[in-house]
Amino acid sequence: MSNPTRSDQPIRILLVDDHSIVRAGLRMLVESQSRMKVIGEAGNKADALAMAKQEQPDIILLDLMLGQENSADTVPEFLSVAEDTRIIILTGVHNRDEHLRAVRLGAMGVLLKETSTDFLLKAIDRVHAGELWLDRFLTANLVVDLRRASKPGRVEREEDKVAKLTDRELEVVALVGEGLKNKQIAERLYISETTVRHHLSSIFEKVGVGDRLELLIFAYRRGLVRVPY
């Protein structure tokens, strides 16, 4: 069974950006930290996927736009070739919908390129530890979206929704909050992946969410998992 934090080893990072000067700056920043190590860099999708498959990085810092291609669409591909990789999207694009789409496709974090270096390093640490990293504005808007999604007249108190969850389902929610995938949750709880999927379907229905991201936001709001930064 893999250890999601792997804290005894340097965090192994793959840099993916089509601007070499950006990659150089990121490399200097990352390698200034003894707890982090750049294991490769790539400027296009094909090279990045090949390197991810070969090196199996802990973290991929992925530019949202690689040339004319939106790299959010490649997130599932990266996750298919490097199963334990966690992806942080770096972007200069202030597009909330695109940021949200990248997370729904499997990214664990979104950071604007204008953010401070301290925030970037903190995000790498937190995402490596299994937490979701979104800026406060995006998180706040997601919470508002979820509240608006509730139909008037049929709104249950969130406490009542949580009360419907079994002890096992609460364990699954907590592990989703750690960033674990279905296979890792199954290993941690000594159950099958099919059973994990059944638990998640039941959880989604009971709390009224449509996917893991909405579940995370609900769980953060109810204190079921630790709130990021």
C-alpha atoms as a PDB file:
ATOM      1  CA  MET A   1       0.000   0.000   0.000  1.00  0.00           C
ATOM      2  CA  SER A   2       1.340   3.401  -0.965  1.00  0.00           C
ATOM      3  CA  ASN A   3       1.815   6.137   1.568  1.00  0.00           C
ATOM      4  CA  PRO A   4       0.026   9.258   0.310  1.00  0.00           C
ATOM      5  CA  THR A   5       2.372  11.676   1.984  1.00  0.00           C
ATOM      6  CA  ARG A   6       5.729   9.915   1.542  1.00  0.00           C
ATOM      7  CA  SER A   7       7.157  12.540   3.877  1.00  0.00           C
ATOM      8  CA  ASP A   8      10.468  10.751   4.405  1.00  0.00           C
ATOM      9  CA  GLN A   9      11.565  11.474   0.821  1.00  0.00           C
ATOM     10  CA  PRO A  10      11.906  14.737  -1.139  1.00  0.00           C
ATOM     11  CA  ILE A  11       8.793  15.670  -3.080  1.00  0.00           C
ATOM     12  CA  ARG A  12       9.554  14.709  -6.695  1.00  0.00           C
ATOM     13  CA  ILE A  13       8.245  17.348  -9.092  1.00  0.00           C
ATOM     14  CA  LEU A  14       7.750  17.451 -12.859  1.00  0.00           C
ATOM     15  CA  LEU A  15       7.554  20.921 -14.450  1.00  0.00           C
ATOM     16  CA  VAL A  16       5.347  21.273 -17.523  1.00  0.00           C
ATOM     17  CA  ASP A  17       5.248  24.686 -19.214  1.00  0.00           C
ATOM     18  CA  ASP A  18       5.830  25.717 -22.819  1.00  0.00           C
ATOM     19  CA  HIS A  19       8.010  28.676 -21.769  1.00  0.00           C
ATOM     20  CA  SER A  20      11.551  27.665 -20.896  1.00  0.00           C
ATOM     21  CA  ILE A  21      12.124  30.812 -18.842  1.00  0.00           C
ATOM     22  CA  VAL A  22       9.132  29.926 -16.635  1.00  0.00           C
ATOM     23  CA  ARG A  23      10.444  26.396 -16.165  1.00  0.00           C
ATOM     24  CA  ALA A  24      13.870  27.783 -15.258  1.00  0.00           C
ATOM     25  CA  GLY A  25      12.347  30.048 -12.618  1.00  0.00           C
ATOM     26  CA  LEU A  26      10.266  27.233 -11.170  1.00  0.00           C
ATOM     27  CA  ARG A  27      13.286  24.943 -11.085  1.00  0.00           C
ATOM     28  CA  MET A  28      15.334  27.528  -9.174  1.00  0.00           C
ATOM     29  CA  LEU A  29      12.511  28.006  -6.675  1.00  0.00           C
ATOM     30  CA  VAL A  30      11.828  24.301  -6.143  1.00  0.00           C
ATOM     31  CA  GLU A  31      15.477  23.338  -5.872  1.00  0.00           C
ATOM     32  CA  SER A  32      16.032  26.011  -3.231  1.00  0.00           C
ATOM     33  CA  GLN A  33      14.012  23.735  -0.945  1.00  0.00           C
ATOM     34  CA  SER A  34      15.750  20.681   0.485  1.00  0.00           C
ATOM     35  CA  ARG A  35      12.423  18.862   0.784  1.00  0.00           C
ATOM     36  CA  MET A  36      11.701  19.164  -2.958  1.00  0.00           C
ATOM     37  CA  LYS A  37      13.397  17.889  -6.098  1.00  0.00           C
ATOM     38  CA  VAL A  38      12.773  18.559  -9.800  1.00  0.00           C
ATOM     39  CA  ILE A  39      12.918  15.205 -11.603  1.00  0.00           C
ATOM     40  CA  GLY A  40      12.235  16.578 -15.079  1.00  0.00           C
ATOM     41  CA  GLU A  41      10.671  19.269 -17.206  1.00  0.00           C
ATOM     42  CA  ALA A  42       8.771  19.344 -20.465  1.00  0.00           C
ATOM     43  CA  GLY A  43       7.410  21.972 -22.817  1.00  0.00           C
ATOM     44  CA  ASN A  44       4.719  19.971 -24.603  1.00  0.00           C
ATOM     45  CA  LYS A  45       2.110  17.319 -23.924  1.00  0.00           C
ATOM     46  CA  ALA A  46       3.849  14.366 -25.567  1.00  0.00           C
ATOM     47  CA  ASP A  47       7.143  14.877 -23.740  1.00  0.00           C
ATOM     48  CA  ALA A  48       5.348  15.543 -20.474  1.00  0.00           C
ATOM     49  CA  LEU A  49       3.270  12.359 -20.669  1.00  0.00           C
ATOM     50  CA  ALA A  50       6.324  10.273 -21.537  1.00  0.00           C
ATOM     51  CA  MET A  51       8.282  11.760 -18.647  1.00  0.00           C
ATOM     52  CA  ALA A  52       5.377  11.324 -16.215  1.00  0.00           C
ATOM     53  CA  LYS A  53       5.101   7.660 -17.158  1.00  0.00           C
ATOM     54  CA  GLN A  54       8.830   7.079 -16.792  1.00  0.00           C
ATOM     55  CA  GLU A  55       9.512   9.110 -13.643  1.00  0.00           C
ATOM     56  CA  GLN A  56       6.232   8.739 -11.725  1.00  0.00           C
ATOM     57  CA  PRO A  57       6.495  12.187 -10.060  1.00  0.00           C
ATOM     58  CA  ASP A  58       4.732  13.027  -6.821  1.00  0.00           C
ATOM     59  CA  ILE A  59       3.618  16.419  -8.145  1.00  0.00           C
ATOM     60  CA  ILE A  60       3.153  17.789 -11.646  1.00  0.00           C
ATOM     61  CA  LEU A  61       3.145  21.578 -11.964  1.00  0.00           C
ATOM     62  CA  LEU A  62       1.126  21.902 -15.155  1.00  0.00           C
ATOM     63  CA  ASP A  63       0.595  25.094 -17.150  1.00  0.00           C
ATOM     64  CA  LEU A  64      -3.099  25.467 -18.027  1.00  0.00           C
ATOM     65  CA  MET A  65      -2.252  26.459 -21.600  1.00  0.00           C
ATOM     66  CA  LEU A  66       0.419  24.520 -23.483  1.00  0.00           C
ATOM     67  CA  GLY A  67       0.699  26.460 -26.718  1.00  0.00           C
ATOM     68  CA  GLN A  68      -2.868  26.593 -28.045  1.00  0.00           C
ATOM     69  CA  GLU A  69      -3.979  23.501 -26.119  1.00  0.00           C
ATOM     70  CA  ASN A  70      -5.905  23.616 -22.872  1.00  0.00           C
ATOM     71  CA  SER A  71      -3.987  21.185 -20.699  1.00  0.00           C
ATOM     72  CA  ALA A  72      -6.927  20.642 -18.338  1.00  0.00           C
ATOM     73  CA  ASP A  73      -8.063  18.071 -20.895  1.00  0.00           C
ATOM     74  CA  THR A  74      -4.827  16.140 -20.384  1.00  0.00           C
ATOM     75  CA  VAL A  75      -5.205  15.800 -16.604  1.00  0.00           C
ATOM     76  CA  PRO A  76      -6.904  12.363 -16.876  1.00  0.00           C
ATOM     77  CA  GLU A  77      -4.129  11.224 -19.219  1.00  0.00           C
ATOM     78  CA  PHE A  78      -1.445  12.181 -16.717  1.00  0.00           C
ATOM     79  CA  LEU A  79      -3.324  10.387 -13.965  1.00  0.00           C
ATOM     80  CA  SER A  80      -3.627   7.268 -16.101  1.00  0.00           C
ATOM     81  CA  VAL A  81       0.129   6.995 -16.710  1.00  0.00           C
ATOM     82  CA  ALA A  82       1.240   8.118 -13.233  1.00  0.00           C
ATOM     83  CA  GLU A  83      -1.325   6.785 -10.785  1.00  0.00           C
ATOM     84  CA  ASP A  84      -0.012   8.391  -7.592  1.00  0.00           C
ATOM     85  CA  THR A  85       0.744  11.779  -9.165  1.00  0.00           C
ATOM     86  CA  ARG A  86      -1.047  14.863  -7.898  1.00  0.00           C
ATOM     87  CA  ILE A  87      -1.477  17.752 -10.315  1.00  0.00           C
ATOM     88  CA  ILE A  88      -1.327  21.467  -9.590  1.00  0.00           C
ATOM     89  CA  ILE A  89      -2.479  23.745 -12.398  1.00  0.00           C
ATOM     90  CA  LEU A  90      -0.440  26.925 -12.840  1.00  0.00           C
ATOM     91  CA  THR A  91      -2.113  29.591 -14.913  1.00  0.00           C
ATOM     92  CA  GLY A  92      -2.111  33.243 -15.822  1.00  0.00           C
ATOM     93  CA  VAL A  93      -5.723  32.920 -16.964  1.00  0.00           C
ATOM     94  CA  HIS A  94      -8.352  34.350 -14.597  1.00  0.00           C
ATOM     95  CA  ASN A  95     -11.127  32.012 -15.707  1.00  0.00           C
ATOM     96  CA  ARG A  96     -13.013  30.483 -12.797  1.00  0.00           C
ATOM     97  CA  ASP A  97     -14.890  28.003 -15.008  1.00  0.00           C
ATOM     98  CA  GLU A  98     -11.648  26.661 -16.480  1.00  0.00           C
ATOM     99  CA  HIS A  99     -10.102  26.344 -13.023  1.00  0.00           C
ATOM    100  CA  LEU A 100     -13.152  24.443 -11.803  1.00  0.00           C
ATOM    101  CA  ARG A 101     -13.119  22.180 -14.871  1.00  0.00           C
ATOM    102  CA  ALA A 102      -9.466  21.292 -14.263  1.00  0.00           C
ATOM    103  CA  VAL A 103     -10.293  20.252 -10.700  1.00  0.00           C
ATOM    104  CA  ARG A 104     -13.298  18.232 -11.820  1.00  0.00           C
ATOM    105  CA  LEU A 105     -10.995  16.401 -14.251  1.00  0.00           C
ATOM    106  CA  GLY A 106      -8.661  15.451 -11.410  1.00  0.00           C
ATOM    107  CA  ALA A 107      -6.317  18.347 -10.619  1.00  0.00           C
ATOM    108  CA  MET A 108      -5.709  18.771  -6.882  1.00  0.00           C
ATOM    109  CA  GLY A 109      -4.822  22.452  -6.994  1.00  0.00           C
ATOM    110  CA  VAL A 110      -5.058  25.648  -9.030  1.00  0.00           C
ATOM    111  CA  LEU A 111      -2.617  28.530  -8.620  1.00  0.00           C
ATOM    112  CA  LEU A 112      -2.310  31.792 -10.508  1.00  0.00           C
ATOM    113  CA  LYS A 113       1.209  32.460 -11.784  1.00  0.00           C
ATOM    114  CA  GLU A 114       1.120  35.836 -10.076  1.00  0.00           C
ATOM    115  CA  THR A 115       0.844  34.196  -6.660  1.00  0.00           C
ATOM    116  CA  SER A 116       3.683  34.531  -4.189  1.00  0.00           C
ATOM    117  CA  THR A 117       6.495  31.970  -4.121  1.00  0.00           C
ATOM    118  CA  ASP A 118       5.612  31.155  -0.508  1.00  0.00           C
ATOM    119  CA  PHE A 119       2.081  30.236  -1.566  1.00  0.00           C
ATOM    120  CA  LEU A 120       3.382  28.033  -4.366  1.00  0.00           C
ATOM    121  CA  LEU A 121       5.673  26.123  -2.019  1.00  0.00           C
ATOM    122  CA  LYS A 122       2.884  25.816   0.531  1.00  0.00           C
ATOM    123  CA  ALA A 123       0.516  24.522  -2.144  1.00  0.00           C
ATOM    124  CA  ILE A 124       3.036  21.869  -3.193  1.00  0.00           C
ATOM    125  CA  ASP A 125       3.371  20.691   0.404  1.00  0.00           C
ATOM    126  CA  ARG A 126      -0.369  20.627   1.020  1.00  0.00           C
ATOM    127  CA  VAL A 127      -1.301  18.905  -2.244  1.00  0.00           C
ATOM    128  CA  HIS A 128       1.458  16.343  -1.693  1.00  0.00           C
ATOM    129  CA  ALA A 129      -0.132  15.694   1.715  1.00  0.00           C
ATOM    130  CA  GLY A 130      -3.428  14.998  -0.040  1.00  0.00           C
ATOM    131  CA  GLU A 131      -5.273  18.291   0.366  1.00  0.00           C
ATOM    132  CA  LEU A 132      -7.183  20.208  -2.256  1.00  0.00           C
ATOM    133  CA  TRP A 133      -5.672  23.662  -2.902  1.00  0.00           C
ATOM    134  CA  LEU A 134      -7.901  26.366  -4.352  1.00  0.00           C
ATOM    135  CA  ASP A 135      -7.671  30.079  -3.844  1.00  0.00           C
ATOM    136  CA  ARG A 136     -10.149  31.496  -1.357  1.00  0.00           C
ATOM    137  CA  PHE A 137     -12.148  33.311  -4.047  1.00  0.00           C
ATOM    138  CA  LEU A 138     -12.722  30.124  -6.035  1.00  0.00           C
ATOM    139  CA  THR A 139     -13.557  28.127  -2.916  1.00  0.00           C
ATOM    140  CA  ALA A 140     -16.038  30.774  -1.791  1.00  0.00           C
ATOM    141  CA  ASN A 141     -17.715  30.795  -5.188  1.00  0.00           C
ATOM    142  CA  LEU A 142     -17.976  27.021  -5.209  1.00  0.00           C
ATOM    143  CA  VAL A 143     -19.734  27.143  -1.860  1.00  0.00           C
ATOM    144  CA  VAL A 144     -22.156  29.768  -3.225  1.00  0.00           C
ATOM    145  CA  ASP A 145     -22.795  27.604  -6.295  1.00  0.00           C
ATOM    146  CA  LEU A 146     -23.627  24.602  -4.127  1.00  0.00           C
ATOM    147  CA  ARG A 147     -26.058  26.645  -2.043  1.00  0.00           C
ATOM    148  CA  ARG A 148     -27.777  27.954  -5.165  1.00  0.00           C
ATOM    149  CA  ALA A 149     -28.036  24.400  -6.497  1.00  0.00           C
ATOM    150  CA  SER A 150     -30.353  23.465  -3.621  1.00  0.00           C
ATOM    151  CA  LYS A 151     -33.990  23.691  -4.713  1.00  0.00           C
ATOM    152  CA  PRO A 152     -36.250  25.963  -2.624  1.00  0.00           C
ATOM    153  CA  GLY A 153     -38.725  24.018  -0.526  1.00  0.00           C
ATOM    154  CA  ARG A 154     -36.628  20.862  -0.602  1.00  0.00           C
ATOM    155  CA  VAL A 155     -33.630  22.050   1.322  1.00  0.00           C
ATOM    156  CA  GLU A 156     -32.549  19.767   4.124  1.00  0.00           C
ATOM    157  CA  ARG A 157     -30.379  21.051   6.912  1.00  0.00           C
ATOM    158  CA  GLU A 158     -26.802  20.014   6.294  1.00  0.00           C
ATOM    159  CA  GLU A 159     -26.648  18.539   9.786  1.00  0.00           C
ATOM    160  CA  ASP A 160     -29.489  16.195   8.807  1.00  0.00           C
ATOM    161  CA  LYS A 161     -27.639  15.155   5.662  1.00  0.00           C
ATOM    162  CA  VAL A 162     -24.509  14.369   7.644  1.00  0.00           C
ATOM    163  CA  ALA A 163     -26.584  12.398  10.162  1.00  0.00           C
ATOM    164  CA  LYS A 164     -27.669  10.068   7.347  1.00  0.00           C
ATOM    165  CA  LEU A 165     -24.095   8.978   6.682  1.00  0.00           C
ATOM    166  CA  THR A 166     -22.933   5.706   8.195  1.00  0.00           C
ATOM    167  CA  ASP A 167     -19.659   5.437  10.082  1.00  0.00           C
ATOM    168  CA  ARG A 168     -18.107   3.717   7.063  1.00  0.00           C
ATOM    169  CA  GLU A 169     -19.321   6.471   4.740  1.00  0.00           C
ATOM    170  CA  LEU A 170     -17.794   9.095   7.030  1.00  0.00           C
ATOM    171  CA  GLU A 171     -14.498   7.189   6.802  1.00  0.00           C
ATOM    172  CA  VAL A 172     -14.729   7.292   3.010  1.00  0.00           C
ATOM    173  CA  VAL A 173     -15.429  11.048   3.084  1.00  0.00           C
ATOM    174  CA  ALA A 174     -12.374  11.605   5.287  1.00  0.00           C
ATOM    175  CA  LEU A 175     -10.168   9.624   2.900  1.00  0.00           C
ATOM    176  CA  VAL A 176     -11.526  11.535  -0.090  1.00  0.00           C
ATOM    177  CA  GLY A 177     -10.507  14.631   1.862  1.00  0.00           C
ATOM    178  CA  GLU A 178      -6.961  13.237   2.057  1.00  0.00           C
ATOM    179  CA  GLY A 179      -6.879  13.100  -1.744  1.00  0.00           C
ATOM    180  CA  LEU A 180      -6.984   9.303  -1.964  1.00  0.00           C
ATOM    181  CA  LYS A 181      -8.319   7.641  -5.092  1.00  0.00           C
ATOM    182  CA  ASN A 182     -10.761   4.730  -5.052  1.00  0.00           C
ATOM    183  CA  LYS A 183      -8.004   2.117  -5.174  1.00  0.00           C
ATOM    184  CA  GLN A 184      -6.146   3.721  -2.273  1.00  0.00           C
ATOM    185  CA  ILE A 185      -9.357   4.062  -0.239  1.00  0.00           C
ATOM    186  CA  ALA A 186     -10.081   0.378  -0.864  1.00  0.00           C
ATOM    187  CA  GLU A 187      -6.601  -0.579   0.340  1.00  0.00           C
ATOM    188  CA  ARG A 188      -6.848   1.626   3.419  1.00  0.00           C
ATOM    189  CA  LEU A 189     -10.246   0.198   4.434  1.00  0.00           C
ATOM    190  CA  TYR A 190      -9.581  -3.380   3.274  1.00  0.00           C
ATOM    191  CA  ILE A 191     -12.566  -3.379   0.932  1.00  0.00           C
ATOM    192  CA  SER A 192     -12.975  -3.689  -2.839  1.00  0.00           C
ATOM    193  CA  GLU A 193     -12.961  -0.756  -5.274  1.00  0.00           C
ATOM    194  CA  THR A 194     -16.517  -1.740  -6.229  1.00  0.00           C
ATOM    195  CA  THR A 195     -17.566  -1.296  -2.613  1.00  0.00           C
ATOM    196  CA  VAL A 196     -15.853   2.113  -2.524  1.00  0.00           C
ATOM    197  CA  ARG A 197     -17.815   3.173  -5.607  1.00  0.00           C
ATOM    198  CA  HIS A 198     -21.054   2.006  -3.978  1.00  0.00           C
ATOM    199  CA  HIS A 199     -20.234   3.989  -0.838  1.00  0.00           C
ATOM    200  CA  LEU A 200     -19.509   7.113  -2.891  1.00  0.00           C
ATOM    201  CA  SER A 201     -22.781   6.776  -4.821  1.00  0.00           C
ATOM    202  CA  SER A 202     -24.657   6.498  -1.538  1.00  0.00           C
ATOM    203  CA  ILE A 203     -22.787   9.483  -0.070  1.00  0.00           C
ATOM    204  CA  PHE A 204     -23.458  11.661  -3.138  1.00  0.00           C
ATOM    205  CA  GLU A 205     -27.162  10.863  -2.938  1.00  0.00           C
ATOM    206  CA  LYS A 206     -27.460  11.424   0.813  1.00  0.00           C
ATOM    207  CA  VAL A 207     -25.717  14.816   0.872  1.00  0.00           C
ATOM    208  CA  GLY A 208     -27.018  16.002  -2.505  1.00  0.00           C
ATOM    209  CA  VAL A 209     -23.798  16.453  -4.485  1.00  0.00           C
ATOM    210  CA  GLY A 210     -22.827  15.354  -7.975  1.00  0.00           C
ATOM    211  CA  ASP A 211     -19.123  14.587  -7.765  1.00  0.00           C
ATOM    212  CA  ARG A 212     -16.049  14.409  -5.535  1.00  0.00           C
ATOM    213  CA  LEU A 213     -15.316  18.126  -5.786  1.00  0.00           C
ATOM    214  CA  GLU A 214     -18.773  19.082  -4.560  1.00  0.00           C
ATOM    215  CA  LEU A 215     -18.418  16.471  -1.817  1.00  0.00           C
ATOM    216  CA  LEU A 216     -15.123  18.046  -0.730  1.00  0.00           C
ATOM    217  CA  ILE A 217     -16.633  21.511  -0.544  1.00  0.00           C
ATOM    218  CA  PHE A 218     -19.592  20.159   1.451  1.00  0.00           C
ATOM    219  CA  ALA A 219     -17.234  18.234   3.745  1.00  0.00           C
ATOM    220  CA  TYR A 220     -14.985  21.279   4.300  1.00  0.00           C
ATOM    221  CA  ARG A 221     -18.029  23.356   5.161  1.00  0.00           C
ATOM    222  CA  ARG A 222     -19.321  20.791   7.657  1.00  0.00           C
ATOM    223  CA  GLY A 223     -15.917  20.179   9.239  1.00  0.00           C
ATOM    224  CA  LEU A 224     -15.759  16.551   8.078  1.00  0.00           C
ATOM    225  CA  VAL A 225     -12.327  17.117   6.542  1.00  0.00           C
ATOM    226  CA  ARG A 226      -9.609  19.677   7.203  1.00  0.00           C
ATOM    227  CA  VAL A 227     -10.039  23.009   5.474  1.00  0.00           C
ATOM    228  CA  PRO A 228      -7.078  23.784   3.166  1.00  0.00           C
ATOM    229  CA  TYR A 229      -4.822  26.630   4.386  1.00  0.00           C
END
